[in-house]
Each structure stands twice: as C-alpha cells, then as structure tokens.
Amino acid sequence: MFSPKETIKQPERPENYEVVLDINLSRHGKKASFNATNIEDSEKIANLAKIEDLQDYDLVAVRTTPVERAVRTGLKYQEGFSENKTYAQEAKVNIRINEDISPIKSKGGKNIKEITKETEESKDINLLTEDFRKKYREAIEQDEFSSFDKENAGVLAWTEQMFEEMISLKQTFQDLSESKNLSELAKEEIKEFREKQLQSGGISILENSLKMTEQLNHYIKASDRYTKSSKILIQEINHAGFIEPFLIYLLKDDLEKKPINSEGKDIVEKIGGAFEPNETVKISIKRKKDSKKELNQLAIVIQLRNQEYVLHINEVENNIFKVSEKLLKEIGISDLILQKKINNS
C-alpha cells in the first residue's frame, strides 16, 4: 500500500537537441578558358570567406573535387575562413580532396601539392566519355546565350542525357522505388545500360548524380552520430555540369511545381540557368533528437537561388537516398573505367 512517506520517482525527461549540418555547394572560381587550371578571382573568394558569419558554427571545413581549379578555389576558402574573426573555435579549418563528388580524378590523387604543382600537361583523369565532353563544349560554343561563365547549353545537353539514361532504366526505378526484387525486365535494362557505358569507355551523367546523392547521404548519416546540439559548415567545391543535374535529379518534381524561373522553356531555365563562378546552393541537414533516442526527425532544406525546398526524409522507409544507393550498386562502373584509364596511360 502506498505510504505518504514514499516519494514517487518522476520519469527522467529526455534532453532534446538539434544537429545542423550546412553544406555550401559552390561552383569553383572564374576560369579563363574551358579547361583552365587556375582561377582569376582568388582574392575575391578569400575576402568573401573572411567576412562570412561563422559565429554559430562549431566546426568549419572545406571539401573539393581533385580538379586543380576547384582545389585552388578551396584553398582560398580555407584561407579566408582561417582569418575570419567570427570563427572562434580551436579546431582549424581543414581542406580535403573528395574524389567521390566528381567524375574527374587527378594524376595527383588526393595530394594537394601534387594537384596544384605547375605542369604543362593536364593532371585530369576524366571518367566521362569523350562524346559527352565534346557534346558539352560544342553546345556552349554554338549557343549565343552561353559562355564558360554561364554554361547553360552544355548543362542542358548533359541534363537531357541524364533523362534519357533514366528512361532507359524505367522498370529498374519502378522496382527499386516500390522496394521490389528486380524483375527480369529491370535486370535486362541494367545489363544493357552497363554494357553500353563500358563500350563507350566512360560513366554516365546519371552515375555521377547518384554518386553526389550518395555523398549527401553520407553527410545525413554523419549528422546522426552527434550526441549534443551541434552546427557544422562544409564548404564543398564542384563544377557546372555536375551540380545542376544532381539538383535536378534530387528535386525534379519540386522544381516543376515551384520553378525558380516560371517562364523557363526547359528544366535548366526553370532552375535559373547554369551555376556561375562561385555561385552556391545551401543544403541544410536538420536533425532533431533526444537523449533517449525516442525522437529523431530529419529534414533536408535546400536554398536554391530565390526558392527553398524541403525534403522530409523517413529513414526507416524507402526514400530517394535508398533507391539511389541501390541503383548505383547496379549500374556503377567508375572504378572499372578509372582502372582502365590508368592502365592505358
């Protein structure tokens, strides 16, 4: 029987906290020509990074593709962030090469000194087919509204190529989206897709978008490892022609419903055109948790130009990241193509 002298132990209330991981996905700095290794606005980049408001961040880091102009851009971000007086954390701003966010690798590997070393020949190892690269460049050169600062026609050519690739895998997408075992038709689609890419000697535009989606999923998973309120900034440097198809793959339905340019004639115009040098899309991974693991809410907020798009992700159920991961395992050939190019060099 209950005694007044006994105390009722109140259940321990879980402590709520929020993890925010911001990815500033930016195109590299201004280049002088199509395949220029250096950038022309390095001091402008450093100065902008120097005055960015970083006071709420617990950690700031820079990640970049292995392409020299992107690495040089990343180094200037690192320089500016390191001199930024609003960033008072003891942790230094580090920079690392991320080979998984671009189909272009480097003969310098992940070594920044080797990548930025002055040489007459290109250090790039491009895993895209020669036909794709030629199509991109010729589209820009033949379009009066495109330039190497605003590569609209090239980006459209590659985006349309990605759509064709997705259509050729229609049954595969359907099976994966419905969490079904792959049907015989899907298996045949995958076989034909892989054989075509292997014969062409390069990877597909779709594969690169899937790899960038996979990288975003790595960040999402990383946000789940924090056990207290944290705010992190990753400044990631990439390229026109890769950023836009990735965003269109991730947000296609949302972009059709809520375009940035409602008068756009095609999907690239609807997102406001190709990215210009140093232009950024902010991708915020926002996770609310509690100490008892009863709460774990996840949202991906994408601030693209004048619009905001929100993806509410249920990590237990099937979602675009799970579908993309499975599809990449089925069609991915980048390791095979890279080894082939290394053997032939």
Protein backbone atom coordinates (compact mmCIF):
# COMPACT_ATOMS: atom_id res chain seq x y z
CA MET A 1 0.00 0.00 0.00
CA PHE A 2 1.20 3.50 -0.81
CA SER A 3 2.72 5.41 2.10
CA PRO A 4 2.79 9.25 2.20
CA LYS A 5 6.42 8.98 3.21
CA GLU A 6 7.29 7.30 -0.06
CA THR A 7 8.36 9.52 -2.91
CA ILE A 8 7.19 8.94 -6.44
CA LYS A 9 10.15 8.86 -8.78
CA GLN A 10 9.43 11.07 -11.75
CA PRO A 11 10.38 9.61 -15.13
CA GLU A 12 13.56 11.14 -16.49
CA ARG A 13 12.76 13.59 -19.24
CA PRO A 14 14.92 13.15 -22.33
CA GLU A 15 17.07 16.09 -23.30
CA ASN A 16 16.23 17.42 -26.75
CA TYR A 17 18.93 18.74 -29.06
CA GLU A 18 19.38 19.75 -32.69
CA VAL A 19 22.12 18.98 -35.18
CA VAL A 20 22.53 21.25 -38.20
CA LEU A 21 24.98 20.32 -40.93
CA ASP A 22 25.16 23.01 -43.62
CA ILE A 23 26.73 22.19 -46.97
CA ASN A 24 27.55 25.19 -49.13
CA LEU A 25 27.86 23.53 -52.52
CA SER A 26 29.64 26.00 -54.79
CA ARG A 27 30.96 26.15 -58.30
CA HIS A 28 34.69 26.87 -58.48
CA GLY A 29 36.08 30.34 -59.20
CA LYS A 30 36.15 32.14 -62.53
CA LYS A 31 38.30 30.47 -65.18
CA ALA A 32 39.97 32.00 -68.23
CA SER A 33 39.18 29.16 -70.65
CA PHE A 34 37.28 25.87 -70.88
CA ASN A 35 39.92 23.67 -69.22
CA ALA A 36 41.88 26.34 -67.35
CA THR A 37 43.71 25.02 -64.30
CA ASN A 38 43.82 28.31 -62.40
CA ILE A 39 41.17 30.81 -61.32
CA GLU A 40 41.10 34.57 -61.87
CA ASP A 41 39.22 35.74 -58.76
CA SER A 42 41.12 34.03 -55.95
CA GLU A 43 41.43 37.11 -53.72
CA LYS A 44 37.72 37.86 -54.08
CA ILE A 45 36.92 34.33 -52.83
CA ALA A 46 39.27 34.67 -49.85
CA ASN A 47 37.81 38.06 -48.91
CA LEU A 48 34.22 36.78 -49.07
CA ALA A 49 35.11 33.79 -46.88
CA LYS A 50 36.84 36.15 -44.47
CA ILE A 51 33.66 38.16 -43.81
CA GLU A 52 31.11 35.32 -43.80
CA ASP A 53 29.24 34.98 -40.50
CA LEU A 54 30.62 31.84 -38.83
CA GLN A 55 29.99 32.64 -35.17
CA ASP A 56 27.37 29.90 -34.62
CA TYR A 57 29.45 27.10 -36.14
CA ASP A 58 31.27 24.56 -34.01
CA LEU A 59 33.29 23.32 -36.96
CA VAL A 60 34.09 24.62 -40.46
CA ALA A 61 35.77 22.51 -43.16
CA VAL A 62 36.43 22.62 -46.91
CA ARG A 63 35.96 19.73 -49.34
CA THR A 64 36.74 19.87 -53.05
CA THR A 65 36.96 17.76 -56.18
CA PRO A 66 40.52 16.84 -57.28
CA VAL A 67 40.38 19.21 -60.29
CA GLU A 68 43.06 21.89 -59.95
CA ARG A 69 40.82 24.95 -60.39
CA ALA A 70 38.44 23.56 -57.75
CA VAL A 71 41.32 22.83 -55.35
CA ARG A 72 42.69 26.35 -55.80
CA THR A 73 39.20 27.69 -55.07
CA GLY A 74 39.02 25.53 -51.94
CA LEU A 75 42.38 26.76 -50.73
CA LYS A 76 41.16 30.34 -50.95
CA TYR A 77 38.05 29.45 -48.94
CA GLN A 78 40.29 27.83 -46.35
CA GLU A 79 42.49 30.94 -46.24
CA GLY A 80 39.52 33.29 -45.79
CA PHE A 81 37.76 31.13 -43.19
CA SER A 82 41.01 30.79 -41.20
CA GLU A 83 41.27 34.59 -40.97
CA ASN A 84 37.57 35.03 -40.20
CA LYS A 85 37.21 36.73 -36.80
CA THR A 86 33.69 35.40 -36.26
CA TYR A 87 35.03 31.82 -36.16
CA ALA A 88 36.50 31.43 -32.68
CA GLN A 89 36.82 27.66 -32.43
CA GLU A 90 40.14 25.99 -31.65
CA ALA A 91 39.68 23.50 -34.48
CA LYS A 92 41.48 24.63 -37.62
CA VAL A 93 39.69 24.86 -40.95
CA ASN A 94 40.95 21.82 -42.83
CA ILE A 95 40.70 21.09 -46.53
CA ARG A 96 40.45 17.64 -48.09
CA ILE A 97 40.02 16.18 -51.54
CA ASN A 98 36.80 14.23 -52.09
CA GLU A 99 37.15 12.07 -55.19
CA ASP A 100 33.57 10.79 -54.96
CA ILE A 101 31.83 14.06 -55.89
CA SER A 102 33.19 14.38 -59.42
CA PRO A 103 33.82 12.09 -62.42
CA ILE A 104 37.14 13.87 -62.90
CA LYS A 105 40.04 12.42 -60.90
CA SER A 106 43.63 13.65 -60.76
CA LYS A 107 47.02 12.14 -61.50
CA GLY A 108 47.98 13.82 -58.23
CA GLY A 109 45.49 11.65 -56.34
CA LYS A 110 44.40 13.38 -53.13
CA ASN A 111 47.71 15.19 -52.65
CA ILE A 112 47.01 18.93 -52.82
CA LYS A 113 50.65 19.84 -53.51
CA GLU A 114 50.78 17.42 -56.44
CA ILE A 115 47.46 18.64 -57.82
CA THR A 116 48.49 22.31 -57.71
CA LYS A 117 52.06 21.74 -58.92
CA GLU A 118 52.85 23.75 -62.06
CA THR A 119 52.97 21.44 -65.10
CA GLU A 120 52.34 21.90 -68.81
CA GLU A 121 50.08 18.86 -69.20
CA SER A 122 46.67 18.32 -67.62
CA LYS A 123 46.54 16.22 -64.45
CA ASP A 124 42.86 15.36 -65.01
CA ILE A 125 41.63 11.79 -65.44
CA ASN A 126 38.12 12.25 -66.82
CA LEU A 127 35.80 9.27 -66.44
CA LEU A 128 33.10 10.74 -68.69
CA THR A 129 33.08 9.64 -72.30
CA GLU A 130 34.80 11.78 -74.90
CA ASP A 131 31.44 12.10 -76.71
CA PHE A 132 29.77 13.59 -73.60
CA ARG A 133 32.58 16.11 -73.11
CA LYS A 134 32.55 17.08 -76.79
CA LYS A 135 28.76 17.49 -76.71
CA TYR A 136 29.03 19.78 -73.67
CA ARG A 137 31.70 22.02 -75.14
CA GLU A 138 30.13 22.28 -78.60
CA ALA A 139 26.73 23.10 -77.10
CA ILE A 140 28.27 26.07 -75.28
CA GLU A 141 30.28 27.30 -78.27
CA GLN A 142 27.26 27.14 -80.59
CA ASP A 143 24.83 28.90 -78.24
CA GLU A 144 24.83 32.70 -78.23
CA PHE A 145 23.48 32.82 -74.68
CA SER A 146 26.14 30.55 -73.19
CA SER A 147 29.73 31.18 -72.13
CA PHE A 148 32.31 29.50 -69.93
CA ASP A 149 30.95 31.54 -67.02
CA LYS A 150 27.32 30.61 -67.79
CA GLU A 151 27.34 27.16 -69.36
CA ASN A 152 23.57 26.86 -69.97
CA ALA A 153 23.63 24.92 -73.25
CA GLY A 154 26.21 22.42 -72.00
CA VAL A 155 24.32 21.82 -68.76
CA LEU A 156 21.08 21.31 -70.72
CA ALA A 157 22.79 18.79 -73.03
CA TRP A 158 24.01 16.78 -70.05
CA THR A 159 20.69 17.03 -68.20
CA GLU A 160 18.81 15.76 -71.24
CA GLN A 161 21.37 12.95 -71.48
CA MET A 162 20.66 12.05 -67.84
CA PHE A 163 16.90 11.99 -68.53
CA GLU A 164 17.48 9.59 -71.45
CA GLU A 165 19.53 7.35 -69.16
CA MET A 166 16.77 7.38 -66.54
CA ILE A 167 14.13 6.48 -69.13
CA SER A 168 16.26 3.52 -70.23
CA LEU A 169 16.07 2.29 -66.61
CA LYS A 170 12.34 2.94 -66.16
CA GLN A 171 11.44 -0.51 -64.84
CA THR A 172 14.50 -0.55 -62.59
CA PHE A 173 13.47 2.74 -60.98
CA GLN A 174 9.95 1.43 -60.50
CA ASP A 175 11.07 -1.81 -58.86
CA LEU A 176 13.51 -0.06 -56.53
CA SER A 177 11.00 2.67 -55.63
CA GLU A 178 8.43 0.03 -54.71
CA SER A 179 11.02 -2.00 -52.73
CA LYS A 180 10.51 -4.96 -55.02
CA ASN A 181 13.04 -7.55 -56.11
CA LEU A 182 14.36 -6.64 -59.53
CA SER A 183 12.18 -8.03 -62.30
CA GLU A 184 13.64 -9.75 -65.35
CA LEU A 185 12.94 -6.61 -67.38
CA ALA A 186 14.84 -4.48 -64.86
CA LYS A 187 17.78 -6.89 -64.90
CA GLU A 188 17.86 -6.66 -68.69
CA GLU A 189 17.77 -2.85 -68.53
CA ILE A 190 20.73 -2.82 -66.13
CA LYS A 191 22.71 -5.27 -68.27
CA GLU A 192 22.18 -3.20 -71.42
CA PHE A 193 22.96 0.04 -69.58
CA ARG A 194 26.26 -1.25 -68.17
CA GLU A 195 27.34 -2.78 -71.46
CA LYS A 196 26.64 0.47 -73.31
CA GLN A 197 28.67 2.51 -70.83
CA LEU A 198 31.57 0.05 -70.82
CA GLN A 199 31.65 0.09 -74.62
CA SER A 200 31.64 3.90 -74.62
CA GLY A 201 34.62 3.94 -72.24
CA GLY A 202 33.09 6.27 -69.69
CA ILE A 203 30.48 6.64 -66.96
CA SER A 204 27.00 8.09 -67.37
CA ILE A 205 25.78 11.51 -66.22
CA LEU A 206 23.26 9.61 -64.09
CA GLU A 207 26.03 7.74 -62.29
CA ASN A 208 27.68 11.00 -61.29
CA SER A 209 24.38 12.39 -59.96
CA LEU A 210 23.91 9.17 -57.99
CA LYS A 211 27.40 9.49 -56.52
CA MET A 212 26.71 13.09 -55.44
CA THR A 213 23.43 11.90 -53.90
CA GLU A 214 25.38 9.17 -52.10
CA GLN A 215 27.78 11.79 -50.73
CA LEU A 216 24.86 13.84 -49.40
CA ASN A 217 23.58 10.68 -47.74
CA HIS A 218 26.98 10.23 -46.07
CA TYR A 219 26.53 13.69 -44.54
CA ILE A 220 23.00 12.78 -43.45
CA LYS A 221 24.28 9.66 -41.70
CA ALA A 222 27.09 11.65 -40.09
CA SER A 223 24.55 14.06 -38.58
CA ASP A 224 23.03 11.11 -36.69
CA ARG A 225 26.26 10.46 -34.78
CA TYR A 226 26.20 13.69 -32.77
CA THR A 227 25.01 13.40 -29.15
CA LYS A 228 24.58 17.10 -28.40
CA SER A 229 23.49 20.27 -30.20
CA SER A 230 25.99 20.97 -32.97
CA LYS A 231 26.29 23.19 -36.02
CA ILE A 232 28.77 22.36 -38.77
CA LEU A 233 29.62 24.02 -42.08
CA ILE A 234 31.09 22.13 -45.02
CA GLN A 235 32.19 24.32 -47.93
CA GLU A 236 32.19 21.98 -50.93
CA ILE A 237 33.64 22.95 -54.32
CA ASN A 238 32.36 21.35 -57.52
CA HIS A 239 31.64 22.21 -61.15
CA ALA A 240 28.96 23.45 -63.52
CA GLY A 241 27.61 20.46 -65.41
CA PHE A 242 27.68 18.31 -62.27
CA ILE A 243 25.91 20.47 -59.68
CA GLU A 244 22.82 21.18 -61.80
CA PRO A 245 21.99 17.59 -62.92
CA PHE A 246 22.45 16.45 -59.31
CA LEU A 247 19.97 19.07 -58.04
CA ILE A 248 17.54 18.30 -60.86
CA TYR A 249 17.75 14.57 -60.06
CA LEU A 250 17.12 15.26 -56.37
CA LEU A 251 14.39 17.89 -56.80
CA LYS A 252 12.85 17.28 -60.22
CA ASP A 253 9.19 17.12 -59.11
CA ASP A 254 9.59 20.08 -56.73
CA LEU A 255 11.30 22.16 -59.43
CA GLU A 256 8.42 21.50 -61.83
CA LYS A 257 5.86 22.58 -59.19
CA LYS A 258 7.86 25.53 -57.88
CA PRO A 259 10.37 26.65 -60.54
CA ILE A 260 12.83 29.44 -59.91
CA ASN A 261 12.07 30.84 -63.35
CA SER A 262 8.40 30.12 -64.12
CA GLU A 263 8.90 31.23 -67.73
CA GLY A 264 11.72 28.77 -68.36
CA LYS A 265 11.33 26.68 -71.52
CA ASP A 266 13.35 23.73 -70.19
CA ILE A 267 14.41 22.37 -66.81
CA VAL A 268 17.75 24.23 -66.81
CA GLU A 269 15.99 27.55 -67.49
CA LYS A 270 13.47 26.67 -64.78
CA ILE A 271 16.26 26.46 -62.18
CA GLY A 272 17.60 29.83 -63.35
CA GLY A 273 20.31 28.53 -65.66
CA ALA A 274 23.73 27.03 -65.08
CA PHE A 275 25.70 27.98 -62.00
CA GLU A 276 28.05 30.93 -62.38
CA PRO A 277 31.57 31.00 -60.87
CA ASN A 278 31.41 30.86 -57.04
CA GLU A 279 27.62 30.53 -57.03
CA THR A 280 26.34 28.47 -54.12
CA VAL A 281 23.36 26.32 -53.19
CA LYS A 282 22.94 25.82 -49.44
CA ILE A 283 21.87 22.34 -48.34
CA SER A 284 20.99 22.16 -44.64
CA ILE A 285 20.61 18.82 -42.91
CA LYS A 286 18.47 19.47 -39.83
CA ARG A 287 18.01 16.71 -37.31
CA LYS A 288 16.10 16.90 -34.01
CA LYS A 289 16.96 14.20 -31.48
CA ASP A 290 16.70 13.39 -27.79
CA SER A 291 18.97 11.63 -25.34
CA LYS A 292 16.66 8.60 -25.08
CA LYS A 293 16.57 8.07 -28.85
CA GLU A 294 12.78 8.38 -28.90
CA LEU A 295 12.93 11.41 -31.20
CA ASN A 296 14.85 11.52 -34.47
CA GLN A 297 13.34 13.90 -37.01
CA LEU A 298 15.17 14.69 -40.23
CA ALA A 299 14.64 17.37 -42.86
CA ILE A 300 16.80 18.48 -45.78
CA VAL A 301 16.36 22.18 -46.57
CA ILE A 302 17.73 23.32 -49.93
CA GLN A 303 18.07 27.05 -50.55
CA LEU A 304 18.47 27.41 -54.30
CA ARG A 305 18.56 30.97 -55.53
CA ASN A 306 15.20 32.57 -54.58
CA GLN A 307 13.42 29.36 -53.57
CA GLU A 308 13.51 26.96 -50.64
CA TYR A 309 12.78 23.26 -51.00
CA VAL A 310 12.27 20.89 -48.06
CA LEU A 311 12.67 17.12 -48.15
CA HIS A 312 11.23 15.33 -45.12
CA ILE A 313 13.05 12.02 -45.00
CA ASN A 314 11.80 8.93 -43.20
CA GLU A 315 14.99 6.92 -42.74
CA VAL A 316 13.11 3.72 -41.92
CA GLU A 317 11.03 3.69 -45.08
CA ASN A 318 12.19 3.64 -48.68
CA ASN A 319 13.37 7.06 -49.88
CA ILE A 320 15.34 8.68 -52.71
CA PHE A 321 18.64 8.04 -50.96
CA LYS A 322 17.98 4.31 -50.52
CA VAL A 323 16.79 3.99 -54.11
CA SER A 324 19.85 5.88 -55.37
CA GLU A 325 22.22 3.73 -53.31
CA LYS A 326 20.74 0.51 -54.72
CA LEU A 327 20.75 1.84 -58.28
CA LEU A 328 24.38 2.97 -58.01
CA LYS A 329 25.40 -0.53 -56.93
CA GLU A 330 23.69 -1.93 -60.02
CA ILE A 331 24.96 0.49 -62.70
CA GLY A 332 28.14 1.97 -61.21
CA ILE A 333 31.28 1.34 -63.30
CA SER A 334 33.53 4.26 -62.26
CA ASP A 335 36.14 2.01 -60.61
CA LEU A 336 36.37 -0.12 -63.76
CA ILE A 337 36.72 2.93 -66.02
CA LEU A 338 39.32 4.52 -63.74
CA GLN A 339 41.44 1.37 -63.69
CA LYS A 340 41.18 1.09 -67.47
CA LYS A 341 42.35 4.69 -67.95
CA ILE A 342 45.24 4.21 -65.51
CA ASN A 343 46.33 1.04 -67.34
CA ASN A 344 46.21 2.84 -70.69
CA SER A 345 48.13 5.91 -69.54
